[in-house]
Amino acid sequence: MDTQRFYRRDAAADYVKGQWGLPCSRAWLAKLAVVGGGPVFRKAGRFPLYLQTDLDEWARSRIGEPRKSTSVLA
């Protein structure tokens, strides 16, 4: 049985900020749910729910490779 916790949108944004140090807000997650590009979510009635593993996967995908310069050529 899967015992992972579901996060509602406010808690999901707080988790991403706290665990990953990435900027994230409830409103931004709501926008991404409409336009795409956000973490996978499920719905319980009208409430979107996010699994921690889905939030971690999404946050990890937003972080780029290590760089030594801001130049595209470097």
Foldseek 3Di string as FASTA:
>chain_A
DDPFDWDWLQVLQVCCCVVVVDHGHSVVQVVCVVVPLHFDWDDDVPTTIDTPVRSVVSSVVVDDDDDDDPDPVD
